[in-house]
Amino acid sequence: MSYLQPNEFVTKLVDAGEAKIYMGTRDTLIRAFMAGATLALAVIFAVTIAVQTGSFLIGSLLFPVGFCMLYLMGYDLLTGVFTLVPMALLDKRPGVTMPRMLKCWGLVGLGNLGGALFIAVFGYLNFSMGGSEAINEVGQKMMQVGESRTVGYQEAGLAGWIVLFLRGMFCNWMVSMGVVGATISTHVSGKIMAMWMPIIVFFYLGFEHSVVNMFLFPIGLMMGGEFTLYQYIMWNEIPTVLGNLAGGLTLVGLVLYTTHVRTQPKKTFA
């Protein structure tokens, strides 16, 4: 498996964050588009398995295949750059500035949205035979998810917003651990194993992932889900994005950087 020590792979993470800043706009958008599309297709895959087997656990166990594919291809998710780029900023890498970091986040988010919407259109056509038939069972399940995770939170008021934020935060704790997993080994098998574990946790526990939601809720609206675009944005996407940012930055990026790069001096004993 060729495991790398934390001080080795954390340095690679900082290097990766710096590289995101210097990547061309075209390449950033294309890679982000493909990441959003790949992840959305993996959601269809997992939900289809869960519906057909009657076991959400089986769907959750297989969902990480999409995450592994997109990171092995070098694509980028918004949740990942929320963690990587701030590490390069903290390390004061040349050319890494706050405005450039925000631009990177914006471009990746835009690309992810485009890819997720692309698969949402495909999913709607696939689940309804091009709009000529009633939505099938898998599509119905996605509609139910969209309704419960917008209207349900709205009905809880402020408490719903807080829970959404926390679920987004804990989601990107796990997802960013998956991003770390992609650098933890020099072998493909080791990378896949390290990525797979935290992604199962986030998906099975129903945490909120901003890019997954860029697919789930638009396709729910296309299929006639009983919630509105406003409810999706205000009662899911915004608090989820903020939670994803907080989780990736504080629970992964800052922790790894401060304890493996900018470490305290070793203790001395008389």
C-alpha atoms as a PDB file:
ATOM      1  CA  MET A   1       0.000   0.000   0.000  1.00  0.00           C
ATOM      2  CA  SER A   2       3.066   2.295   0.453  1.00  0.00           C
ATOM      3  CA  TYR A   3       1.610   4.435   3.227  1.00  0.00           C
ATOM      4  CA  LEU A   4       2.989   7.965   3.477  1.00  0.00           C
ATOM      5  CA  GLN A   5       3.629   9.533   6.867  1.00  0.00           C
ATOM      6  CA  PRO A   6       1.390  12.507   7.807  1.00  0.00           C
ATOM      7  CA  ASN A   7       4.184  15.064   7.429  1.00  0.00           C
ATOM      8  CA  GLU A   8       4.697  13.776   3.870  1.00  0.00           C
ATOM      9  CA  PHE A   9       1.089  13.703   2.679  1.00  0.00           C
ATOM     10  CA  VAL A  10       0.165  17.000   4.353  1.00  0.00           C
ATOM     11  CA  THR A  11       2.930  18.717   2.384  1.00  0.00           C
ATOM     12  CA  LYS A  12       1.416  17.188  -0.757  1.00  0.00           C
ATOM     13  CA  LEU A  13      -1.962  18.625   0.234  1.00  0.00           C
ATOM     14  CA  VAL A  14      -0.463  22.115   0.561  1.00  0.00           C
ATOM     15  CA  ASP A  15       1.198  21.689  -2.843  1.00  0.00           C
ATOM     16  CA  ALA A  16      -2.150  20.641  -4.303  1.00  0.00           C
ATOM     17  CA  GLY A  17      -3.859  23.705  -2.835  1.00  0.00           C
ATOM     18  CA  GLU A  18      -1.245  25.959  -4.429  1.00  0.00           C
ATOM     19  CA  ALA A  19      -1.664  24.192  -7.785  1.00  0.00           C
ATOM     20  CA  LYS A  20      -5.411  24.913  -7.765  1.00  0.00           C
ATOM     21  CA  ILE A  21      -4.679  28.647  -7.694  1.00  0.00           C
ATOM     22  CA  TYR A  22      -2.408  28.478 -10.737  1.00  0.00           C
ATOM     23  CA  MET A  23      -4.639  26.195 -12.808  1.00  0.00           C
ATOM     24  CA  GLY A  24      -6.101  27.808 -15.919  1.00  0.00           C
ATOM     25  CA  THR A  25      -9.752  28.883 -15.851  1.00  0.00           C
ATOM     26  CA  ARG A  26     -10.743  26.502 -18.652  1.00  0.00           C
ATOM     27  CA  ASP A  27      -9.136  23.519 -16.975  1.00  0.00           C
ATOM     28  CA  THR A  28     -10.636  24.397 -13.594  1.00  0.00           C
ATOM     29  CA  LEU A  29     -14.148  24.626 -15.052  1.00  0.00           C
ATOM     30  CA  ILE A  30     -13.884  21.416 -17.089  1.00  0.00           C
ATOM     31  CA  ARG A  31     -12.472  19.388 -14.195  1.00  0.00           C
ATOM     32  CA  ALA A  32     -15.105  20.767 -11.834  1.00  0.00           C
ATOM     33  CA  PHE A  33     -17.877  20.042 -14.356  1.00  0.00           C
ATOM     34  CA  MET A  34     -16.748  16.433 -14.656  1.00  0.00           C
ATOM     35  CA  ALA A  35     -16.489  16.114 -10.881  1.00  0.00           C
ATOM     36  CA  GLY A  36     -20.066  17.326 -10.412  1.00  0.00           C
ATOM     37  CA  ALA A  37     -21.325  15.021 -13.153  1.00  0.00           C
ATOM     38  CA  THR A  38     -19.452  11.976 -11.829  1.00  0.00           C
ATOM     39  CA  LEU A  39     -20.667  12.500  -8.281  1.00  0.00           C
ATOM     40  CA  ALA A  40     -24.263  13.016  -9.441  1.00  0.00           C
ATOM     41  CA  LEU A  41     -24.153   9.802 -11.463  1.00  0.00           C
ATOM     42  CA  ALA A  42     -22.861   8.003  -8.372  1.00  0.00           C
ATOM     43  CA  VAL A  43     -25.899   9.302  -6.454  1.00  0.00           C
ATOM     44  CA  ILE A  44     -28.214   7.788  -9.087  1.00  0.00           C
ATOM     45  CA  PHE A  45     -26.229   4.553  -8.813  1.00  0.00           C
ATOM     46  CA  ALA A  46     -26.474   4.436  -5.012  1.00  0.00           C
ATOM     47  CA  VAL A  47     -30.169   5.370  -4.831  1.00  0.00           C
ATOM     48  CA  THR A  48     -31.018   2.834  -7.530  1.00  0.00           C
ATOM     49  CA  ILE A  49     -29.239   0.117  -5.548  1.00  0.00           C
ATOM     50  CA  ALA A  50     -30.965   1.180  -2.314  1.00  0.00           C
ATOM     51  CA  VAL A  51     -34.414   1.125  -3.948  1.00  0.00           C
ATOM     52  CA  GLN A  52     -33.910  -2.177  -5.737  1.00  0.00           C
ATOM     53  CA  THR A  53     -32.387  -3.998  -2.749  1.00  0.00           C
ATOM     54  CA  GLY A  54     -34.405  -2.265  -0.044  1.00  0.00           C
ATOM     55  CA  SER A  55     -31.129  -1.563   1.784  1.00  0.00           C
ATOM     56  CA  PHE A  56     -29.730   1.950   2.074  1.00  0.00           C
ATOM     57  CA  LEU A  57     -26.610   0.441   3.629  1.00  0.00           C
ATOM     58  CA  ILE A  58     -25.750  -1.408   0.422  1.00  0.00           C
ATOM     59  CA  GLY A  59     -26.237   1.789  -1.589  1.00  0.00           C
ATOM     60  CA  SER A  60     -23.995   3.662   0.849  1.00  0.00           C
ATOM     61  CA  LEU A  61     -21.295   0.999   0.670  1.00  0.00           C
ATOM     62  CA  LEU A  62     -21.123   1.389  -3.118  1.00  0.00           C
ATOM     63  CA  PHE A  63     -21.600   5.174  -3.453  1.00  0.00           C
ATOM     64  CA  PRO A  64     -17.866   5.930  -2.903  1.00  0.00           C
ATOM     65  CA  VAL A  65     -17.067   4.454  -6.323  1.00  0.00           C
ATOM     66  CA  GLY A  66     -17.989   7.830  -7.839  1.00  0.00           C
ATOM     67  CA  PHE A  67     -15.824   9.797  -5.409  1.00  0.00           C
ATOM     68  CA  CYS A  68     -12.861   7.507  -6.046  1.00  0.00           C
ATOM     69  CA  MET A  69     -13.226   7.785  -9.824  1.00  0.00           C
ATOM     70  CA  LEU A  70     -13.336  11.570  -9.860  1.00  0.00           C
ATOM     71  CA  TYR A  71     -10.322  12.037  -7.590  1.00  0.00           C
ATOM     72  CA  LEU A  72      -8.262   9.427  -9.445  1.00  0.00           C
ATOM     73  CA  MET A  73      -8.986  11.473 -12.592  1.00  0.00           C
ATOM     74  CA  GLY A  74      -7.766  14.665 -10.903  1.00  0.00           C
ATOM     75  CA  TYR A  75     -11.181  16.376 -10.901  1.00  0.00           C
ATOM     76  CA  ASP A  76     -12.170  18.906  -8.232  1.00  0.00           C
ATOM     77  CA  LEU A  77     -15.129  19.270  -5.890  1.00  0.00           C
ATOM     78  CA  LEU A  78     -15.987  22.476  -4.066  1.00  0.00           C
ATOM     79  CA  THR A  79     -15.734  20.580  -0.780  1.00  0.00           C
ATOM     80  CA  GLY A  80     -12.157  19.616  -1.612  1.00  0.00           C
ATOM     81  CA  VAL A  81     -10.894  23.092  -2.506  1.00  0.00           C
ATOM     82  CA  PHE A  82     -12.533  24.420   0.669  1.00  0.00           C
ATOM     83  CA  THR A  83      -9.861  22.371   2.462  1.00  0.00           C
ATOM     84  CA  LEU A  84      -6.830  22.410   0.152  1.00  0.00           C
ATOM     85  CA  VAL A  85      -6.541  26.039  -0.954  1.00  0.00           C
ATOM     86  CA  PRO A  86      -6.696  27.565   2.555  1.00  0.00           C
ATOM     87  CA  MET A  87      -3.784  25.307   3.544  1.00  0.00           C
ATOM     88  CA  ALA A  88      -1.678  26.903   0.792  1.00  0.00           C
ATOM     89  CA  LEU A  89      -2.826  30.349   1.965  1.00  0.00           C
ATOM     90  CA  LEU A  90      -1.801  29.562   5.539  1.00  0.00           C
ATOM     91  CA  ASP A  91       1.571  28.364   4.278  1.00  0.00           C
ATOM     92  CA  LYS A  92       2.024  31.730   2.530  1.00  0.00           C
ATOM     93  CA  ARG A  93       2.736  30.124  -0.818  1.00  0.00           C
ATOM     94  CA  PRO A  94       3.722  32.689  -3.495  1.00  0.00           C
ATOM     95  CA  GLY A  95       0.734  34.009  -5.415  1.00  0.00           C
ATOM     96  CA  VAL A  96      -1.860  32.424  -3.134  1.00  0.00           C
ATOM     97  CA  THR A  97      -4.065  35.286  -1.983  1.00  0.00           C
ATOM     98  CA  MET A  98      -7.545  35.612  -0.545  1.00  0.00           C
ATOM     99  CA  PRO A  99      -9.095  37.028  -3.775  1.00  0.00           C
ATOM    100  CA  ARG A 100      -7.539  34.227  -5.840  1.00  0.00           C
ATOM    101  CA  MET A 101      -8.772  31.637  -3.354  1.00  0.00           C
ATOM    102  CA  LEU A 102     -12.313  33.016  -3.572  1.00  0.00           C
ATOM    103  CA  LYS A 103     -12.104  33.006  -7.375  1.00  0.00           C
ATOM    104  CA  CYS A 104     -10.970  29.375  -7.310  1.00  0.00           C
ATOM    105  CA  TRP A 105     -13.884  28.439  -5.060  1.00  0.00           C
ATOM    106  CA  GLY A 106     -16.300  30.273  -7.362  1.00  0.00           C
ATOM    107  CA  LEU A 107     -15.030  28.594 -10.529  1.00  0.00           C
ATOM    108  CA  VAL A 108     -15.067  25.113  -8.987  1.00  0.00           C
ATOM    109  CA  GLY A 109     -18.548  25.663  -7.562  1.00  0.00           C
ATOM    110  CA  LEU A 110     -19.811  26.879 -10.951  1.00  0.00           C
ATOM    111  CA  GLY A 111     -18.312  23.895 -12.732  1.00  0.00           C
ATOM    112  CA  ASN A 112     -19.725  21.464 -10.163  1.00  0.00           C
ATOM    113  CA  LEU A 113     -23.176  23.020 -10.594  1.00  0.00           C
ATOM    114  CA  GLY A 114     -22.986  22.673 -14.367  1.00  0.00           C
ATOM    115  CA  GLY A 115     -22.027  19.000 -14.148  1.00  0.00           C
ATOM    116  CA  ALA A 116     -24.688  18.240 -11.537  1.00  0.00           C
ATOM    117  CA  LEU A 117     -27.405  19.930 -13.630  1.00  0.00           C
ATOM    118  CA  PHE A 118     -26.268  18.029 -16.719  1.00  0.00           C
ATOM    119  CA  ILE A 119     -26.867  14.716 -14.948  1.00  0.00           C
ATOM    120  CA  ALA A 120     -30.097  16.050 -13.408  1.00  0.00           C
ATOM    121  CA  VAL A 121     -31.514  16.602 -16.905  1.00  0.00           C
ATOM    122  CA  PHE A 122     -30.364  13.133 -17.946  1.00  0.00           C
ATOM    123  CA  GLY A 123     -31.877  11.643 -14.798  1.00  0.00           C
ATOM    124  CA  TYR A 124     -35.247  13.302 -15.357  1.00  0.00           C
ATOM    125  CA  LEU A 125     -35.375  12.036 -18.951  1.00  0.00           C
ATOM    126  CA  ASN A 126     -34.236   8.577 -17.865  1.00  0.00           C
ATOM    127  CA  PHE A 127     -36.712   8.243 -14.984  1.00  0.00           C
ATOM    128  CA  SER A 128     -39.674   9.457 -17.076  1.00  0.00           C
ATOM    129  CA  MET A 129     -38.828   7.982 -20.501  1.00  0.00           C
ATOM    130  CA  GLY A 130     -38.242  11.445 -21.892  1.00  0.00           C
ATOM    131  CA  GLY A 131     -41.205  12.911 -20.046  1.00  0.00           C
ATOM    132  CA  SER A 132     -43.694  10.530 -21.657  1.00  0.00           C
ATOM    133  CA  GLU A 133     -44.284   8.288 -18.621  1.00  0.00           C
ATOM    134  CA  ALA A 134     -44.824   8.617 -14.883  1.00  0.00           C
ATOM    135  CA  ILE A 135     -41.688   9.018 -12.770  1.00  0.00           C
ATOM    136  CA  ASN A 136     -40.302   5.612 -11.835  1.00  0.00           C
ATOM    137  CA  GLU A 137     -39.581   4.356  -8.320  1.00  0.00           C
ATOM    138  CA  VAL A 138     -36.013   5.654  -8.168  1.00  0.00           C
ATOM    139  CA  GLY A 139     -37.129   9.107  -9.276  1.00  0.00           C
ATOM    140  CA  GLN A 140     -39.940   9.083  -6.709  1.00  0.00           C
ATOM    141  CA  LYS A 141     -37.380   8.389  -3.985  1.00  0.00           C
ATOM    142  CA  MET A 142     -35.285  11.358  -5.064  1.00  0.00           C
ATOM    143  CA  MET A 143     -38.356  13.585  -4.984  1.00  0.00           C
ATOM    144  CA  GLN A 144     -39.071  12.456  -1.420  1.00  0.00           C
ATOM    145  CA  VAL A 145     -35.504  13.287  -0.382  1.00  0.00           C
ATOM    146  CA  GLY A 146     -35.806  16.768  -1.872  1.00  0.00           C
ATOM    147  CA  GLU A 147     -39.064  17.447  -0.040  1.00  0.00           C
ATOM    148  CA  SER A 148     -37.936  16.121   3.345  1.00  0.00           C
ATOM    149  CA  ARG A 149     -34.616  17.957   3.267  1.00  0.00           C
ATOM    150  CA  THR A 150     -36.066  21.382   2.455  1.00  0.00           C
ATOM    151  CA  VAL A 151     -39.581  21.593   3.836  1.00  0.00           C
ATOM    152  CA  GLY A 152     -38.574  19.494   6.844  1.00  0.00           C
ATOM    153  CA  TYR A 153     -35.771  21.863   7.791  1.00  0.00           C
ATOM    154  CA  GLN A 154     -37.943  24.935   7.137  1.00  0.00           C
ATOM    155  CA  GLU A 155     -40.626  23.664   9.469  1.00  0.00           C
ATOM    156  CA  ALA A 156     -38.027  23.424  12.242  1.00  0.00           C
ATOM    157  CA  GLY A 157     -37.092  27.102  11.763  1.00  0.00           C
ATOM    158  CA  LEU A 158     -33.778  28.266  13.236  1.00  0.00           C
ATOM    159  CA  ALA A 159     -33.118  24.810  14.655  1.00  0.00           C
ATOM    160  CA  GLY A 160     -33.398  23.413  11.122  1.00  0.00           C
ATOM    161  CA  TRP A 161     -30.798  25.878   9.830  1.00  0.00           C
ATOM    162  CA  ILE A 162     -28.439  24.985  12.684  1.00  0.00           C
ATOM    163  CA  VAL A 163     -28.827  21.250  12.065  1.00  0.00           C
ATOM    164  CA  LEU A 164     -28.259  21.801   8.337  1.00  0.00           C
ATOM    165  CA  PHE A 165     -25.070  23.731   9.049  1.00  0.00           C
ATOM    166  CA  LEU A 166     -23.814  21.017  11.393  1.00  0.00           C
ATOM    167  CA  ARG A 167     -24.649  18.242   8.930  1.00  0.00           C
ATOM    168  CA  GLY A 168     -22.776  20.181   6.251  1.00  0.00           C
ATOM    169  CA  MET A 169     -19.843  20.671   8.606  1.00  0.00           C
ATOM    170  CA  PHE A 170     -19.619  16.998   9.546  1.00  0.00           C
ATOM    171  CA  CYS A 171     -20.100  16.022   5.912  1.00  0.00           C
ATOM    172  CA  ASN A 172     -16.975  17.852   4.827  1.00  0.00           C
ATOM    173  CA  TRP A 173     -15.061  16.528   7.783  1.00  0.00           C
ATOM    174  CA  MET A 174     -15.558  13.070   6.283  1.00  0.00           C
ATOM    175  CA  VAL A 175     -15.350  14.098   2.615  1.00  0.00           C
ATOM    176  CA  SER A 176     -12.120  16.011   3.170  1.00  0.00           C
ATOM    177  CA  MET A 177     -10.736  12.959   4.930  1.00  0.00           C
ATOM    178  CA  GLY A 178     -11.470  11.242   1.626  1.00  0.00           C
ATOM    179  CA  VAL A 179      -9.508  13.951  -0.194  1.00  0.00           C
ATOM    180  CA  VAL A 180      -6.630  13.331   2.213  1.00  0.00           C
ATOM    181  CA  GLY A 181      -7.002   9.616   1.487  1.00  0.00           C
ATOM    182  CA  ALA A 182      -6.165  10.269  -2.171  1.00  0.00           C
ATOM    183  CA  THR A 183      -2.668  11.383  -1.106  1.00  0.00           C
ATOM    184  CA  ILE A 184      -2.044   8.932   1.711  1.00  0.00           C
ATOM    185  CA  SER A 185      -0.662   6.164  -0.515  1.00  0.00           C
ATOM    186  CA  THR A 186       1.398   5.862  -3.703  1.00  0.00           C
ATOM    187  CA  HIS A 187      -0.640   2.850  -4.906  1.00  0.00           C
ATOM    188  CA  VAL A 188      -4.081   3.060  -6.506  1.00  0.00           C
ATOM    189  CA  SER A 189      -5.429   0.312  -4.239  1.00  0.00           C
ATOM    190  CA  GLY A 190      -4.256   2.174  -1.148  1.00  0.00           C
ATOM    191  CA  LYS A 191      -5.774   5.454  -2.356  1.00  0.00           C
ATOM    192  CA  ILE A 192      -9.138   3.790  -3.037  1.00  0.00           C
ATOM    193  CA  MET A 193      -9.218   2.103   0.361  1.00  0.00           C
ATOM    194  CA  ALA A 194      -8.376   5.349   2.163  1.00  0.00           C
ATOM    195  CA  MET A 195     -10.981   7.333   0.218  1.00  0.00           C
ATOM    196  CA  TRP A 196     -13.715   4.727   0.524  1.00  0.00           C
ATOM    197  CA  MET A 197     -14.005   4.622   4.325  1.00  0.00           C
ATOM    198  CA  PRO A 198     -14.961   8.232   5.205  1.00  0.00           C
ATOM    199  CA  ILE A 199     -17.271   8.572   2.185  1.00  0.00           C
ATOM    200  CA  ILE A 200     -19.363   5.630   3.396  1.00  0.00           C
ATOM    201  CA  VAL A 201     -19.752   7.368   6.763  1.00  0.00           C
ATOM    202  CA  PHE A 202     -20.949  10.689   5.310  1.00  0.00           C
ATOM    203  CA  PHE A 203     -23.408   9.115   2.868  1.00  0.00           C
ATOM    204  CA  TYR A 204     -24.952   6.584   5.226  1.00  0.00           C
ATOM    205  CA  LEU A 205     -25.426   9.142   8.014  1.00  0.00           C
ATOM    206  CA  GLY A 206     -27.244  11.494   5.642  1.00  0.00           C
ATOM    207  CA  PHE A 207     -24.881  14.437   6.029  1.00  0.00           C
ATOM    208  CA  GLU A 208     -25.348  17.358   3.632  1.00  0.00           C
ATOM    209  CA  HIS A 209     -22.947  17.697   0.683  1.00  0.00           C
ATOM    210  CA  SER A 210     -23.311  20.883  -1.359  1.00  0.00           C
ATOM    211  CA  VAL A 211     -22.408  19.286  -4.711  1.00  0.00           C
ATOM    212  CA  VAL A 212     -24.614  16.217  -4.176  1.00  0.00           C
ATOM    213  CA  ASN A 213     -27.429  18.639  -3.375  1.00  0.00           C
ATOM    214  CA  MET A 214     -26.771  20.590  -6.596  1.00  0.00           C
ATOM    215  CA  PHE A 215     -28.035  17.427  -8.292  1.00  0.00           C
ATOM    216  CA  LEU A 216     -30.630  16.010  -5.893  1.00  0.00           C
ATOM    217  CA  PHE A 217     -32.771  19.098  -5.486  1.00  0.00           C
ATOM    218  CA  PRO A 218     -32.838  20.351  -9.098  1.00  0.00           C
ATOM    219  CA  ILE A 219     -33.820  16.878 -10.318  1.00  0.00           C
ATOM    220  CA  GLY A 220     -36.496  16.767  -7.607  1.00  0.00           C
ATOM    221  CA  LEU A 221     -37.889  20.069  -8.884  1.00  0.00           C
ATOM    222  CA  MET A 222     -37.807  18.851 -12.506  1.00  0.00           C
ATOM    223  CA  MET A 223     -39.840  15.802 -11.519  1.00  0.00           C
ATOM    224  CA  GLY A 224     -42.448  17.831  -9.652  1.00  0.00           C
ATOM    225  CA  GLY A 225     -41.239  17.652  -6.053  1.00  0.00           C
ATOM    226  CA  GLU A 226     -43.387  19.637  -3.623  1.00  0.00           C
ATOM    227  CA  PHE A 227     -40.817  22.275  -2.699  1.00  0.00           C
ATOM    228  CA  THR A 228     -39.609  25.469  -4.378  1.00  0.00           C
ATOM    229  CA  LEU A 229     -36.298  26.767  -5.704  1.00  0.00           C
ATOM    230  CA  TYR A 230     -36.308  29.318  -2.881  1.00  0.00           C
ATOM    231  CA  GLN A 231     -36.740  26.575  -0.281  1.00  0.00           C
ATOM    232  CA  TYR A 232     -33.882  24.601  -1.830  1.00  0.00           C
ATOM    233  CA  ILE A 233     -31.491  27.571  -1.811  1.00  0.00           C
ATOM    234  CA  MET A 234     -32.431  29.062   1.565  1.00  0.00           C
ATOM    235  CA  TRP A 235     -33.286  25.866   3.439  1.00  0.00           C
ATOM    236  CA  ASN A 236     -30.556  23.627   2.136  1.00  0.00           C
ATOM    237  CA  GLU A 237     -27.839  24.884  -0.218  1.00  0.00           C
ATOM    238  CA  ILE A 238     -26.701  28.034   1.613  1.00  0.00           C
ATOM    239  CA  PRO A 239     -26.341  26.513   5.107  1.00  0.00           C
ATOM    240  CA  THR A 240     -24.861  23.364   3.558  1.00  0.00           C
ATOM    241  CA  VAL A 241     -22.166  25.325   1.698  1.00  0.00           C
ATOM    242  CA  LEU A 242     -21.321  27.276   4.841  1.00  0.00           C
ATOM    243  CA  GLY A 243     -21.162  24.070   6.864  1.00  0.00           C
ATOM    244  CA  ASN A 244     -19.003  22.362   4.235  1.00  0.00           C
ATOM    245  CA  LEU A 245     -16.608  25.311   4.339  1.00  0.00           C
ATOM    246  CA  ALA A 246     -16.395  25.297   8.128  1.00  0.00           C
ATOM    247  CA  GLY A 247     -15.912  21.535   8.334  1.00  0.00           C
ATOM    248  CA  GLY A 248     -13.231  21.232   5.680  1.00  0.00           C
ATOM    249  CA  LEU A 249     -11.338  24.260   6.905  1.00  0.00           C
ATOM    250  CA  THR A 250     -11.398  23.653  10.657  1.00  0.00           C
ATOM    251  CA  LEU A 251     -11.744  19.903  11.181  1.00  0.00           C
ATOM    252  CA  VAL A 252      -9.301  18.838   8.480  1.00  0.00           C
ATOM    253  CA  GLY A 253      -7.229  21.635   6.906  1.00  0.00           C
ATOM    254  CA  LEU A 254      -6.312  23.576  10.047  1.00  0.00           C
ATOM    255  CA  VAL A 255      -5.852  20.462  12.155  1.00  0.00           C
ATOM    256  CA  LEU A 256      -3.469  18.786   9.719  1.00  0.00           C
ATOM    257  CA  TYR A 257      -1.570  21.970   8.897  1.00  0.00           C
ATOM    258  CA  THR A 258      -0.987  23.082  12.486  1.00  0.00           C
ATOM    259  CA  THR A 259      -0.005  19.636  13.803  1.00  0.00           C
ATOM    260  CA  HIS A 260       2.077  18.368  10.870  1.00  0.00           C
ATOM    261  CA  VAL A 261       3.499  21.482   9.162  1.00  0.00           C
ATOM    262  CA  ARG A 262       3.547  24.369  11.626  1.00  0.00           C
ATOM    263  CA  THR A 263       4.190  22.154  14.619  1.00  0.00           C
ATOM    264  CA  GLN A 264       5.159  23.163  18.141  1.00  0.00           C
ATOM    265  CA  PRO A 265       8.745  22.587  19.281  1.00  0.00           C
ATOM    266  CA  LYS A 266       9.275  19.220  20.896  1.00  0.00           C
ATOM    267  CA  LYS A 267       9.085  19.126  24.666  1.00  0.00           C
ATOM    268  CA  THR A 268      12.305  18.986  26.616  1.00  0.00           C
ATOM    269  CA  PHE A 269      12.686  17.377  30.004  1.00  0.00           C
ATOM    270  CA  ALA A 270      15.396  18.083  32.517  1.00  0.00           C
END
